[in-house]
Structure formats: structure tokens, C-alpha cells
PDB file of all heavy atoms in Angstrom:
ATOM      1  N   GLN A   1      -5.724   9.238   0.056  1.00  0.00           N
ATOM      2  CA  GLN A   1      -6.457   8.154  -0.591  1.00  0.00           C
ATOM      3  C   GLN A   1      -5.536   7.255  -1.413  1.00  0.00           C
ATOM      4  O   GLN A   1      -5.753   6.043  -1.476  1.00  0.00           O
ATOM      5  CB  GLN A   1      -7.592   8.715  -1.477  1.00  0.00           C
ATOM      6  CG  GLN A   1      -8.689   9.367  -0.650  1.00  0.00           C
ATOM      7  CD  GLN A   1      -9.259   8.479   0.401  1.00  0.00           C
ATOM      8  OE1 GLN A   1      -9.566   7.302   0.147  1.00  0.00           O
ATOM      9  NE2 GLN A   1      -9.362   8.979   1.642  1.00  0.00           N
ATOM     10  N   ILE A   2      -4.526   7.875  -2.025  1.00  0.00           N
ATOM     11  CA  ILE A   2      -3.519   7.057  -2.772  1.00  0.00           C
ATOM     12  C   ILE A   2      -2.813   6.096  -1.801  1.00  0.00           C
ATOM     13  O   ILE A   2      -2.634   4.926  -2.102  1.00  0.00           O
ATOM     14  CB  ILE A   2      -2.526   7.949  -3.521  1.00  0.00           C
ATOM     15  CG1 ILE A   2      -3.273   8.698  -4.660  1.00  0.00           C
ATOM     16  CG2 ILE A   2      -1.355   7.125  -4.038  1.00  0.00           C
ATOM     17  CD1 ILE A   2      -2.436   9.759  -5.321  1.00  0.00           C
ATOM     18  N   GLN A   3      -2.458   6.635  -0.633  1.00  0.00           N
ATOM     19  CA  GLN A   3      -1.789   5.811   0.388  1.00  0.00           C
ATOM     20  C   GLN A   3      -2.636   4.609   0.771  1.00  0.00           C
ATOM     21  O   GLN A   3      -2.142   3.454   0.761  1.00  0.00           O
ATOM     22  CB  GLN A   3      -1.518   6.707   1.639  1.00  0.00           C
ATOM     23  CG  GLN A   3      -0.763   6.075   2.711  1.00  0.00           C
ATOM     24  CD  GLN A   3       0.646   5.727   2.342  1.00  0.00           C
ATOM     25  OE1 GLN A   3       1.084   4.644   2.696  1.00  0.00           O
ATOM     26  NE2 GLN A   3       1.367   6.544   1.642  1.00  0.00           N
ATOM     27  N   ILE A   4      -3.863   4.861   1.061  1.00  0.00           N
ATOM     28  CA  ILE A   4      -4.777   3.776   1.488  1.00  0.00           C
ATOM     29  C   ILE A   4      -5.073   2.816   0.326  1.00  0.00           C
ATOM     30  O   ILE A   4      -5.134   1.602   0.507  1.00  0.00           O
ATOM     31  CB  ILE A   4      -6.082   4.341   2.057  1.00  0.00           C
ATOM     32  CG1 ILE A   4      -5.772   5.211   3.311  1.00  0.00           C
ATOM     33  CG2 ILE A   4      -7.054   3.244   2.382  1.00  0.00           C
ATOM     34  CD1 ILE A   4      -5.031   4.500   4.415  1.00  0.00           C
ATOM     35  N   ALA A   5      -5.214   3.378  -0.889  1.00  0.00           N
ATOM     36  CA  ALA A   5      -5.502   2.509  -2.034  1.00  0.00           C
ATOM     37  C   ALA A   5      -4.353   1.524  -2.311  1.00  0.00           C
ATOM     38  O   ALA A   5      -4.612   0.363  -2.643  1.00  0.00           O
ATOM     39  CB  ALA A   5      -5.707   3.405  -3.257  1.00  0.00           C
ATOM     40  N   HIS A   6      -3.085   1.958  -2.141  1.00  0.00           N
ATOM     41  CA  HIS A   6      -1.965   1.037  -2.339  1.00  0.00           C
ATOM     42  C   HIS A   6      -2.005  -0.084  -1.329  1.00  0.00           C
ATOM     43  O   HIS A   6      -1.734  -1.239  -1.674  1.00  0.00           O
ATOM     44  CB  HIS A   6      -0.641   1.795  -2.242  1.00  0.00           C
ATOM     45  CG  HIS A   6      -0.296   2.573  -3.494  1.00  0.00           C
ATOM     46  ND1 HIS A   6      -0.175   1.952  -4.722  1.00  0.00           N
ATOM     47  CD2 HIS A   6      -0.049   3.884  -3.666  1.00  0.00           C
ATOM     48  CE1 HIS A   6       0.156   2.871  -5.602  1.00  0.00           C
ATOM     49  NE2 HIS A   6       0.238   4.048  -5.014  1.00  0.00           N
ATOM     50  N   ARG A   7      -2.367   0.225  -0.083  1.00  0.00           N
ATOM     51  CA  ARG A   7      -2.451  -0.816   0.952  1.00  0.00           C
ATOM     52  C   ARG A   7      -3.559  -1.794   0.599  1.00  0.00           C
ATOM     53  O   ARG A   7      -3.368  -3.034   0.667  1.00  0.00           O
ATOM     54  CB  ARG A   7      -2.684  -0.259   2.324  1.00  0.00           C
ATOM     55  CG  ARG A   7      -2.830  -1.363   3.374  1.00  0.00           C
ATOM     56  CD  ARG A   7      -3.217  -0.875   4.724  1.00  0.00           C
ATOM     57  NE  ARG A   7      -4.391  -0.060   4.813  1.00  0.00           N
ATOM     58  CZ  ARG A   7      -5.624  -0.489   4.852  1.00  0.00           C
ATOM     59  NH1 ARG A   7      -5.892  -1.786   4.777  1.00  0.00           N
ATOM     60  NH2 ARG A   7      -6.636   0.336   4.944  1.00  0.00           N
ATOM     61  N   ARG A   8      -4.709  -1.309   0.222  1.00  0.00           N
ATOM     62  CA  ARG A   8      -5.837  -2.170  -0.072  1.00  0.00           C
ATOM     63  C   ARG A   8      -5.527  -3.058  -1.266  1.00  0.00           C
ATOM     64  O   ARG A   8      -5.756  -4.255  -1.232  1.00  0.00           O
ATOM     65  CB  ARG A   8      -7.075  -1.321  -0.345  1.00  0.00           C
ATOM     66  CG  ARG A   8      -7.682  -0.802   0.897  1.00  0.00           C
ATOM     67  CD  ARG A   8      -9.116  -0.420   0.675  1.00  0.00           C
ATOM     68  NE  ARG A   8      -9.721  -0.286   1.988  1.00  0.00           N
ATOM     69  CZ  ARG A   8     -10.357   0.793   2.382  1.00  0.00           C
ATOM     70  NH1 ARG A   8     -10.510   1.811   1.595  1.00  0.00           N
ATOM     71  NH2 ARG A   8     -10.865   0.842   3.618  1.00  0.00           N
ATOM     72  N   LEU A   9      -5.020  -2.462  -2.304  1.00  0.00           N
ATOM     73  CA  LEU A   9      -4.716  -3.222  -3.519  1.00  0.00           C
ATOM     74  C   LEU A   9      -3.599  -4.215  -3.276  1.00  0.00           C
ATOM     75  O   LEU A   9      -3.695  -5.377  -3.703  1.00  0.00           O
ATOM     76  CB  LEU A   9      -4.422  -2.281  -4.671  1.00  0.00           C
ATOM     77  CG  LEU A   9      -4.373  -2.862  -6.068  1.00  0.00           C
ATOM     78  CD1 LEU A   9      -5.623  -3.678  -6.379  1.00  0.00           C
ATOM     79  CD2 LEU A   9      -4.208  -1.766  -7.096  1.00  0.00           C
ATOM     80  N   GLY A  10      -2.549  -3.801  -2.589  1.00  0.00           N
ATOM     81  CA  GLY A  10      -1.445  -4.703  -2.291  1.00  0.00           C
ATOM     82  C   GLY A  10      -1.855  -5.882  -1.424  1.00  0.00           C
ATOM     83  O   GLY A  10      -1.480  -7.030  -1.720  1.00  0.00           O
ATOM     84  N   SER A  11      -2.645  -5.608  -0.414  1.00  0.00           N
ATOM     85  CA  SER A  11      -3.034  -6.716   0.481  1.00  0.00           C
ATOM     86  C   SER A  11      -3.987  -7.687  -0.175  1.00  0.00           C
ATOM     87  O   SER A  11      -3.866  -8.919  -0.018  1.00  0.00           O
ATOM     88  CB  SER A  11      -3.625  -6.165   1.785  1.00  0.00           C
ATOM     89  OG  SER A  11      -4.766  -5.396   1.560  1.00  0.00           O
ATOM     90  N   ILE A  12      -4.906  -7.185  -1.016  1.00  0.00           N
ATOM     91  CA  ILE A  12      -5.826  -8.100  -1.713  1.00  0.00           C
ATOM     92  C   ILE A  12      -5.069  -8.923  -2.747  1.00  0.00           C
ATOM     93  O   ILE A  12      -5.366 -10.081  -2.961  1.00  0.00           O
ATOM     94  CB  ILE A  12      -7.043  -7.372  -2.281  1.00  0.00           C
ATOM     95  CG1 ILE A  12      -8.205  -8.341  -2.521  1.00  0.00           C
ATOM     96  CG2 ILE A  12      -6.743  -6.633  -3.605  1.00  0.00           C
ATOM     97  CD1 ILE A  12      -8.796  -8.955  -1.294  1.00  0.00           C
ATOM     98  N   MET A  13      -4.061  -8.332  -3.389  1.00  0.00           N
ATOM     99  CA  MET A  13      -3.260  -9.067  -4.354  1.00  0.00           C
ATOM    100  C   MET A  13      -2.479 -10.173  -3.650  1.00  0.00           C
ATOM    101  O   MET A  13      -2.300 -11.283  -4.176  1.00  0.00           O
ATOM    102  CB  MET A  13      -2.325  -8.147  -5.121  1.00  0.00           C
ATOM    103  CG  MET A  13      -3.085  -7.286  -6.105  1.00  0.00           C
ATOM    104  SD  MET A  13      -1.948  -6.169  -6.913  1.00  0.00           S
ATOM    105  CE  MET A  13      -2.995  -5.581  -8.243  1.00  0.00           C
ATOM    106  N   LEU A  14      -2.030  -9.899  -2.433  1.00  0.00           N
ATOM    107  CA  LEU A  14      -1.325 -10.914  -1.611  1.00  0.00           C
ATOM    108  C   LEU A  14      -2.296 -12.082  -1.376  1.00  0.00           C
ATOM    109  O   LEU A  14      -1.936 -13.236  -1.586  1.00  0.00           O
ATOM    110  CB  LEU A  14      -0.866 -10.316  -0.304  1.00  0.00           C
ATOM    111  CG  LEU A  14      -0.411 -11.292   0.770  1.00  0.00           C
ATOM    112  CD1 LEU A  14       0.807 -12.104   0.314  1.00  0.00           C
ATOM    113  CD2 LEU A  14      -0.080 -10.533   2.051  1.00  0.00           C
ATOM    114  N   PHE A  15      -3.511 -11.761  -0.958  1.00  0.00           N
ATOM    115  CA  PHE A  15      -4.499 -12.805  -0.668  1.00  0.00           C
ATOM    116  C   PHE A  15      -4.830 -13.634  -1.893  1.00  0.00           C
ATOM    117  O   PHE A  15      -5.207 -14.788  -1.823  1.00  0.00           O
ATOM    118  CB  PHE A  15      -5.781 -12.198  -0.075  1.00  0.00           C
ATOM    119  CG  PHE A  15      -5.707 -12.014   1.415  1.00  0.00           C
ATOM    120  CD1 PHE A  15      -4.743 -11.192   1.976  1.00  0.00           C
ATOM    121  CD2 PHE A  15      -6.601 -12.628   2.232  1.00  0.00           C
ATOM    122  CE1 PHE A  15      -4.689 -10.984   3.318  1.00  0.00           C
ATOM    123  CE2 PHE A  15      -6.564 -12.439   3.586  1.00  0.00           C
ATOM    124  CZ  PHE A  15      -5.589 -11.632   4.172  1.00  0.00           C
ATOM    125  N   MET A  16      -4.740 -12.998  -3.069  1.00  0.00           N
ATOM    126  CA  MET A  16      -5.052 -13.709  -4.327  1.00  0.00           C
ATOM    127  C   MET A  16      -3.845 -14.470  -4.848  1.00  0.00           C
ATOM    128  O   MET A  16      -3.938 -15.169  -5.864  1.00  0.00           O
ATOM    129  CB  MET A  16      -5.542 -12.722  -5.346  1.00  0.00           C
ATOM    130  CG  MET A  16      -6.863 -12.103  -4.989  1.00  0.00           C
ATOM    131  SD  MET A  16      -7.431 -10.900  -6.235  1.00  0.00           S
ATOM    132  CE  MET A  16      -7.927 -12.030  -7.564  1.00  0.00           C
ATOM    133  N   GLY A  17      -2.660 -14.310  -4.217  1.00  0.00           N
ATOM    134  CA  GLY A  17      -1.478 -15.000  -4.679  1.00  0.00           C
ATOM    135  C   GLY A  17      -0.699 -14.281  -5.759  1.00  0.00           C
ATOM    136  O   GLY A  17       0.237 -14.809  -6.341  1.00  0.00           O
ATOM    137  N   ASP A  18      -1.089 -13.066  -6.067  1.00  0.00           N
ATOM    138  CA  ASP A  18      -0.415 -12.229  -7.052  1.00  0.00           C
ATOM    139  C   ASP A  18       0.707 -11.472  -6.372  1.00  0.00           C
ATOM    140  O   ASP A  18       0.638 -10.258  -6.148  1.00  0.00           O
ATOM    141  CB  ASP A  18      -1.408 -11.274  -7.732  1.00  0.00           C
ATOM    142  CG  ASP A  18      -0.840 -10.566  -8.947  1.00  0.00           C
ATOM    143  OD1 ASP A  18       0.374 -10.650  -9.196  1.00  0.00           O
ATOM    144  OD2 ASP A  18      -1.647  -9.911  -9.677  1.00  0.00           O
ATOM    145  N   LEU A  19       1.754 -12.205  -6.007  1.00  0.00           N
ATOM    146  CA  LEU A  19       2.796 -11.689  -5.122  1.00  0.00           C
ATOM    147  C   LEU A  19       3.601 -10.536  -5.731  1.00  0.00           C
ATOM    148  O   LEU A  19       3.959  -9.605  -4.991  1.00  0.00           O
ATOM    149  CB  LEU A  19       3.701 -12.809  -4.666  1.00  0.00           C
ATOM    150  CG  LEU A  19       3.021 -13.973  -3.929  1.00  0.00           C
ATOM    151  CD1 LEU A  19       4.027 -15.043  -3.547  1.00  0.00           C
ATOM    152  CD2 LEU A  19       2.242 -13.487  -2.722  1.00  0.00           C
ATOM    153  N   ARG A  20       3.921 -10.624  -6.984  1.00  0.00           N
ATOM    154  CA  ARG A  20       4.742  -9.537  -7.585  1.00  0.00           C
ATOM    155  C   ARG A  20       3.970  -8.228  -7.610  1.00  0.00           C
ATOM    156  O   ARG A  20       4.533  -7.153  -7.310  1.00  0.00           O
ATOM    157  CB  ARG A  20       5.201  -9.904  -8.995  1.00  0.00           C
ATOM    158  CG  ARG A  20       6.195 -11.025  -8.998  1.00  0.00           C
ATOM    159  CD  ARG A  20       7.517 -10.541  -8.371  1.00  0.00           C
ATOM    160  NE  ARG A  20       8.421 -11.669  -8.313  1.00  0.00           N
ATOM    161  CZ  ARG A  20       9.528 -11.728  -7.582  1.00  0.00           C
ATOM    162  NH1 ARG A  20       9.841 -10.685  -6.847  1.00  0.00           N
ATOM    163  NH2 ARG A  20      10.308 -12.775  -7.583  1.00  0.00           N
ATOM    164  N   HIS A  21       2.676  -8.271  -7.977  1.00  0.00           N
ATOM    165  CA  HIS A  21       1.908  -7.063  -7.974  1.00  0.00           C
ATOM    166  C   HIS A  21       1.624  -6.557  -6.579  1.00  0.00           C
ATOM    167  O   HIS A  21       1.566  -5.349  -6.305  1.00  0.00           O
ATOM    168  CB  HIS A  21       0.614  -7.229  -8.759  1.00  0.00           C
ATOM    169  CG  HIS A  21       0.813  -7.262 -10.221  1.00  0.00           C
ATOM    170  ND1 HIS A  21       0.604  -8.388 -10.974  1.00  0.00           N
ATOM    171  CD2 HIS A  21       1.301  -6.315 -11.068  1.00  0.00           C
ATOM    172  CE1 HIS A  21       0.907  -8.126 -12.235  1.00  0.00           C
ATOM    173  NE2 HIS A  21       1.336  -6.872 -12.330  1.00  0.00           N
ATOM    174  N   ALA A  22       1.469  -7.473  -5.604  1.00  0.00           N
ATOM    175  CA  ALA A  22       1.316  -7.072  -4.210  1.00  0.00           C
ATOM    176  C   ALA A  22       2.546  -6.324  -3.739  1.00  0.00           C
ATOM    177  O   ALA A  22       2.470  -5.280  -3.135  1.00  0.00           O
ATOM    178  CB  ALA A  22       1.074  -8.327  -3.329  1.00  0.00           C
ATOM    179  N   GLU A  23       3.705  -6.910  -4.044  1.00  0.00           N
ATOM    180  CA  GLU A  23       4.980  -6.287  -3.681  1.00  0.00           C
ATOM    181  C   GLU A  23       5.077  -4.877  -4.268  1.00  0.00           C
ATOM    182  O   GLU A  23       5.468  -3.927  -3.581  1.00  0.00           O
ATOM    183  CB  GLU A  23       6.143  -7.155  -4.160  1.00  0.00           C
ATOM    184  CG  GLU A  23       7.498  -6.571  -3.885  1.00  0.00           C
ATOM    185  CD  GLU A  23       8.638  -7.410  -4.474  1.00  0.00           C
ATOM    186  OE1 GLU A  23       8.425  -8.049  -5.545  1.00  0.00           O
ATOM    187  OE2 GLU A  23       9.703  -7.446  -3.877  1.00  0.00           O
ATOM    188  N   GLU A  24       4.699  -4.744  -5.536  1.00  0.00           N
ATOM    189  CA  GLU A  24       4.789  -3.440  -6.214  1.00  0.00           C
ATOM    190  C   GLU A  24       3.845  -2.407  -5.529  1.00  0.00           C
ATOM    191  O   GLU A  24       4.283  -1.278  -5.266  1.00  0.00           O
ATOM    192  CB  GLU A  24       4.370  -3.628  -7.665  1.00  0.00           C
ATOM    193  CG  GLU A  24       4.329  -2.353  -8.470  1.00  0.00           C
ATOM    194  CD  GLU A  24       3.812  -2.625  -9.911  1.00  0.00           C
ATOM    195  OE1 GLU A  24       4.272  -3.611 -10.507  1.00  0.00           O
ATOM    196  OE2 GLU A  24       2.972  -1.838 -10.331  1.00  0.00           O
ATOM    197  N   GLN A  25       2.617  -2.774  -5.258  1.00  0.00           N
ATOM    198  CA  GLN A  25       1.668  -1.828  -4.637  1.00  0.00           C
ATOM    199  C   GLN A  25       2.121  -1.432  -3.245  1.00  0.00           C
ATOM    200  O   GLN A  25       2.086  -0.272  -2.871  1.00  0.00           O
ATOM    201  CB  GLN A  25       0.283  -2.464  -4.596  1.00  0.00           C
ATOM    202  CG  GLN A  25      -0.378  -2.610  -5.933  1.00  0.00           C
ATOM    203  CD  GLN A  25      -0.590  -1.259  -6.629  1.00  0.00           C
ATOM    204  OE1 GLN A  25      -0.996  -0.303  -5.996  1.00  0.00           O
ATOM    205  NE2 GLN A  25      -0.311  -1.206  -7.911  1.00  0.00           N
ATOM    206  N   LEU A  26       2.549  -2.407  -2.467  1.00  0.00           N
ATOM    207  CA  LEU A  26       2.930  -2.124  -1.075  1.00  0.00           C
ATOM    208  C   LEU A  26       4.204  -1.318  -0.978  1.00  0.00           C
ATOM    209  O   LEU A  26       4.335  -0.403  -0.192  1.00  0.00           O
ATOM    210  CB  LEU A  26       3.062  -3.423  -0.303  1.00  0.00           C
ATOM    211  CG  LEU A  26       1.737  -4.218  -0.156  1.00  0.00           C
ATOM    212  CD1 LEU A  26       2.003  -5.632   0.266  1.00  0.00           C
ATOM    213  CD2 LEU A  26       0.776  -3.492   0.778  1.00  0.00           C
ATOM    214  N   THR A  27       5.130  -1.586  -1.917  1.00  0.00           N
ATOM    215  CA  THR A  27       6.367  -0.825  -1.966  1.00  0.00           C
ATOM    216  C   THR A  27       6.072   0.634  -2.350  1.00  0.00           C
ATOM    217  O   THR A  27       6.662   1.576  -1.794  1.00  0.00           O
ATOM    218  CB  THR A  27       7.339  -1.452  -2.961  1.00  0.00           C
ATOM    219  OG1 THR A  27       7.661  -2.789  -2.503  1.00  0.00           O
ATOM    220  CG2 THR A  27       8.655  -0.667  -3.049  1.00  0.00           C
ATOM    221  N   GLN A  28       5.124   0.811  -3.288  1.00  0.00           N
ATOM    222  CA  GLN A  28       4.748   2.178  -3.675  1.00  0.00           C
ATOM    223  C   GLN A  28       4.117   2.930  -2.498  1.00  0.00           C
ATOM    224  O   GLN A  28       4.396   4.111  -2.305  1.00  0.00           O
ATOM    225  CB  GLN A  28       3.750   2.159  -4.848  1.00  0.00           C
ATOM    226  CG  GLN A  28       4.391   1.853  -6.146  1.00  0.00           C
ATOM    227  CD  GLN A  28       3.378   1.984  -7.293  1.00  0.00           C
ATOM    228  OE1 GLN A  28       2.565   2.851  -7.350  1.00  0.00           O
ATOM    229  NE2 GLN A  28       3.468   0.990  -8.181  1.00  0.00           N
ATOM    230  N   GLY A  29       3.317   2.210  -1.716  1.00  0.00           N
ATOM    231  CA  GLY A  29       2.720   2.832  -0.544  1.00  0.00           C
ATOM    232  C   GLY A  29       3.760   3.289   0.448  1.00  0.00           C
ATOM    233  O   GLY A  29       3.680   4.403   0.995  1.00  0.00           O
ATOM    234  N   ILE A  30       4.793   2.473   0.676  1.00  0.00           N
ATOM    235  CA  ILE A  30       5.842   2.830   1.604  1.00  0.00           C
ATOM    236  C   ILE A  30       6.621   4.008   1.049  1.00  0.00           C
ATOM    237  O   ILE A  30       6.974   4.954   1.766  1.00  0.00           O
ATOM    238  CB  ILE A  30       6.777   1.616   1.881  1.00  0.00           C
ATOM    239  CG1 ILE A  30       6.017   0.581   2.720  1.00  0.00           C
ATOM    240  CG2 ILE A  30       8.061   2.069   2.579  1.00  0.00           C
ATOM    241  CD1 ILE A  30       6.739  -0.761   2.830  1.00  0.00           C
ATOM    242  N   ALA A  31       6.904   4.004  -0.266  1.00  0.00           N
ATOM    243  CA  ALA A  31       7.679   5.061  -0.889  1.00  0.00           C
ATOM    244  C   ALA A  31       6.957   6.412  -0.814  1.00  0.00           C
ATOM    245  O   ALA A  31       7.588   7.483  -0.687  1.00  0.00           O
ATOM    246  CB  ALA A  31       7.990   4.728  -2.346  1.00  0.00           C
ATOM    247  N   ARG A  32       5.652   6.377  -0.871  1.00  0.00           N
ATOM    248  CA  ARG A  32       4.847   7.617  -0.847  1.00  0.00           C
ATOM    249  C   ARG A  32       4.492   8.101   0.557  1.00  0.00           C
ATOM    250  O   ARG A  32       3.854   9.111   0.737  1.00  0.00           O
ATOM    251  CB  ARG A  32       3.543   7.410  -1.610  1.00  0.00           C
ATOM    252  CG  ARG A  32       3.720   7.222  -3.091  1.00  0.00           C
ATOM    253  CD  ARG A  32       2.393   6.872  -3.736  1.00  0.00           C
ATOM    254  NE  ARG A  32       2.485   6.690  -5.159  1.00  0.00           N
ATOM    255  CZ  ARG A  32       2.201   7.657  -6.034  1.00  0.00           C
ATOM    256  NH1 ARG A  32       1.802   8.829  -5.628  1.00  0.00           N
ATOM    257  NH2 ARG A  32       2.339   7.410  -7.302  1.00  0.00           N
ATOM    258  N   TYR A  33       4.892   7.320   1.556  1.00  0.00           N
ATOM    259  CA  TYR A  33       4.511   7.610   2.923  1.00  0.00           C
ATOM    260  C   TYR A  33       5.174   8.880   3.431  1.00  0.00           C
ATOM    261  O   TYR A  33       6.351   9.128   3.251  1.00  0.00           O
ATOM    262  CB  TYR A  33       4.927   6.456   3.836  1.00  0.00           C
ATOM    263  CG  TYR A  33       4.515   6.641   5.269  1.00  0.00           C
ATOM    264  CD1 TYR A  33       3.232   6.513   5.660  1.00  0.00           C
ATOM    265  CD2 TYR A  33       5.473   7.020   6.230  1.00  0.00           C
ATOM    266  CE1 TYR A  33       2.845   6.679   6.972  1.00  0.00           C
ATOM    267  CE2 TYR A  33       5.108   7.205   7.528  1.00  0.00           C
ATOM    268  CZ  TYR A  33       3.797   7.035   7.880  1.00  0.00           C
ATOM    269  OH  TYR A  33       3.421   7.211   9.214  1.00  0.00           O
ATOM    270  N   ASP A  34       4.361   9.731   4.031  1.00  0.00           N
ATOM    271  CA  ASP A  34       4.797  10.990   4.642  1.00  0.00           C
ATOM    272  C   ASP A  34       4.369  10.969   6.089  1.00  0.00           C
ATOM    273  O   ASP A  34       3.150  11.028   6.363  1.00  0.00           O
ATOM    274  CB  ASP A  34       4.225  12.171   3.874  1.00  0.00           C
ATOM    275  CG  ASP A  34       4.595  13.521   4.480  1.00  0.00           C
ATOM    276  OD1 ASP A  34       4.792  13.645   5.716  1.00  0.00           O
ATOM    277  OD2 ASP A  34       4.661  14.492   3.707  1.00  0.00           O
ATOM    278  N   LEU A  35       5.308  10.846   6.998  1.00  0.00           N
ATOM    279  CA  LEU A  35       5.017  10.692   8.433  1.00  0.00           C
ATOM    280  C   LEU A  35       4.068  11.754   8.936  1.00  0.00           C
ATOM    281  O   LEU A  35       3.048  11.464   9.546  1.00  0.00           O
ATOM    282  CB  LEU A  35       6.337  10.748   9.233  1.00  0.00           C
ATOM    283  CG  LEU A  35       6.161  10.749  10.751  1.00  0.00           C
ATOM    284  CD1 LEU A  35       5.612   9.449  11.240  1.00  0.00           C
ATOM    285  CD2 LEU A  35       7.522  11.031  11.396  1.00  0.00           C
ATOM    286  N   GLU A  36       4.344  12.997   8.644  1.00  0.00           N
ATOM    287  CA  GLU A  36       3.510  14.100   9.160  1.00  0.00           C
ATOM    288  C   GLU A  36       2.085  14.038   8.584  1.00  0.00           C
ATOM    289  O   GLU A  36       1.139  14.351   9.245  1.00  0.00           O
ATOM    290  CB  GLU A  36       4.140  15.471   8.851  1.00  0.00           C
ATOM    291  CG  GLU A  36       5.465  15.669   9.570  1.00  0.00           C
ATOM    292  CD  GLU A  36       5.323  15.545  11.105  1.00  0.00           C
ATOM    293  OE1 GLU A  36       4.367  16.081  11.657  1.00  0.00           O
ATOM    294  OE2 GLU A  36       6.200  14.914  11.720  1.00  0.00           O
ATOM    295  N   ARG A  37       1.977  13.710   7.337  1.00  0.00           N
ATOM    296  CA  ARG A  37       0.677  13.734   6.667  1.00  0.00           C
ATOM    297  C   ARG A  37      -0.134  12.458   6.945  1.00  0.00           C
ATOM    298  O   ARG A  37      -1.356  12.508   7.193  1.00  0.00           O
ATOM    299  CB  ARG A  37       0.872  13.881   5.180  1.00  0.00           C
ATOM    300  CG  ARG A  37      -0.463  13.869   4.442  1.00  0.00           C
ATOM    301  CD  ARG A  37      -0.349  14.190   2.986  1.00  0.00           C
ATOM    302  NE  ARG A  37      -1.676  14.251   2.468  1.00  0.00           N
ATOM    303  CZ  ARG A  37      -2.361  15.345   2.264  1.00  0.00           C
ATOM    304  NH1 ARG A  37      -1.847  16.503   2.564  1.00  0.00           N
ATOM    305  NH2 ARG A  37      -3.587  15.322   1.791  1.00  0.00           N
ATOM    306  N   HIS A  38       0.503  11.328   6.907  1.00  0.00           N
ATOM    307  CA  HIS A  38      -0.244  10.051   6.908  1.00  0.00           C
ATOM    308  C   HIS A  38      -0.407   9.376   8.264  1.00  0.00           C
ATOM    309  O   HIS A  38      -1.250   8.481   8.415  1.00  0.00           O
ATOM    310  CB  HIS A  38       0.403   9.084   5.930  1.00  0.00           C
ATOM    311  CG  HIS A  38       0.303   9.549   4.514  1.00  0.00           C
ATOM    312  ND1 HIS A  38       1.434   9.702   3.697  1.00  0.00           N
ATOM    313  CD2 HIS A  38      -0.758   9.949   3.756  1.00  0.00           C
ATOM    314  CE1 HIS A  38       1.034  10.160   2.551  1.00  0.00           C
ATOM    315  NE2 HIS A  38      -0.279  10.309   2.550  1.00  0.00           N
ATOM    316  N   ARG A  39       0.360   9.730   9.245  1.00  0.00           N
ATOM    317  CA  ARG A  39       0.294   9.089  10.546  1.00  0.00           C
ATOM    318  C   ARG A  39      -1.124   9.201  11.127  1.00  0.00           C
ATOM    319  O   ARG A  39      -1.628   8.264  11.739  1.00  0.00           O
ATOM    320  CB  ARG A  39       1.320   9.665  11.482  1.00  0.00           C
ATOM    321  CG  ARG A  39       1.360   9.119  12.839  1.00  0.00           C
ATOM    322  CD  ARG A  39       2.248   8.058  13.261  1.00  0.00           C
ATOM    323  NE  ARG A  39       3.253   7.404  12.521  1.00  0.00           N
ATOM    324  CZ  ARG A  39       4.445   7.112  12.998  1.00  0.00           C
ATOM    325  NH1 ARG A  39       4.819   7.478  14.207  1.00  0.00           N
ATOM    326  NH2 ARG A  39       5.301   6.415  12.282  1.00  0.00           N
ATOM    327  N   SER A  40      -1.790  10.335  10.898  1.00  0.00           N
ATOM    328  CA  SER A  40      -3.109  10.535  11.473  1.00  0.00           C
ATOM    329  C   SER A  40      -4.172   9.636  10.847  1.00  0.00           C
ATOM    330  O   SER A  40      -5.295   9.500  11.372  1.00  0.00           O
ATOM    331  CB  SER A  40      -3.519  12.012  11.359  1.00  0.00           C
ATOM    332  OG  SER A  40      -3.646  12.349   9.992  1.00  0.00           O
ATOM    333  N   LEU A  41      -3.882   9.031   9.687  1.00  0.00           N
ATOM    334  CA  LEU A  41      -4.844   8.171   9.035  1.00  0.00           C
ATOM    335  C   LEU A  41      -5.197   6.929   9.893  1.00  0.00           C
ATOM    336  O   LEU A  41      -6.218   6.305   9.671  1.00  0.00           O
ATOM    337  CB  LEU A  41      -4.318   7.730   7.666  1.00  0.00           C
ATOM    338  CG  LEU A  41      -4.212   8.841   6.614  1.00  0.00           C
ATOM    339  CD1 LEU A  41      -3.604   8.280   5.324  1.00  0.00           C
ATOM    340  CD2 LEU A  41      -5.563   9.468   6.341  1.00  0.00           C
ATOM    341  N   ALA A  42      -4.335   6.627  10.856  1.00  0.00           N
ATOM    342  CA  ALA A  42      -4.595   5.483  11.738  1.00  0.00           C
ATOM    343  C   ALA A  42      -5.912   5.676  12.470  1.00  0.00           C
ATOM    344  O   ALA A  42      -6.657   4.678  12.688  1.00  0.00           O
ATOM    345  CB  ALA A  42      -3.455   5.293  12.747  1.00  0.00           C
TER     346      ALA A  42
END
């Protein structure tokens, strides 16, 4: 859920023009990504 929340929050911040916070959220999502655990979320 943390993984998905970072994507949702980052992408909505991008749409709102809050680019620095979007970058922060999306970067956190990438940093927390675990291939074995999260790939199935697709």
C-alpha cells in the first residue's frame, strides 16, 4: 500500500503542478520498490 500510495500521491502532485513534491513521492516509490514483492501488484 505504501508503494501504491507514493505513485498516487506523486502523480496527482504532478497534475497539480507541485513538481518538487511529485518528484519526492515518486522517487520514494522507486527507492522502496522490491521486484519480488511488488511486481505482482500489476
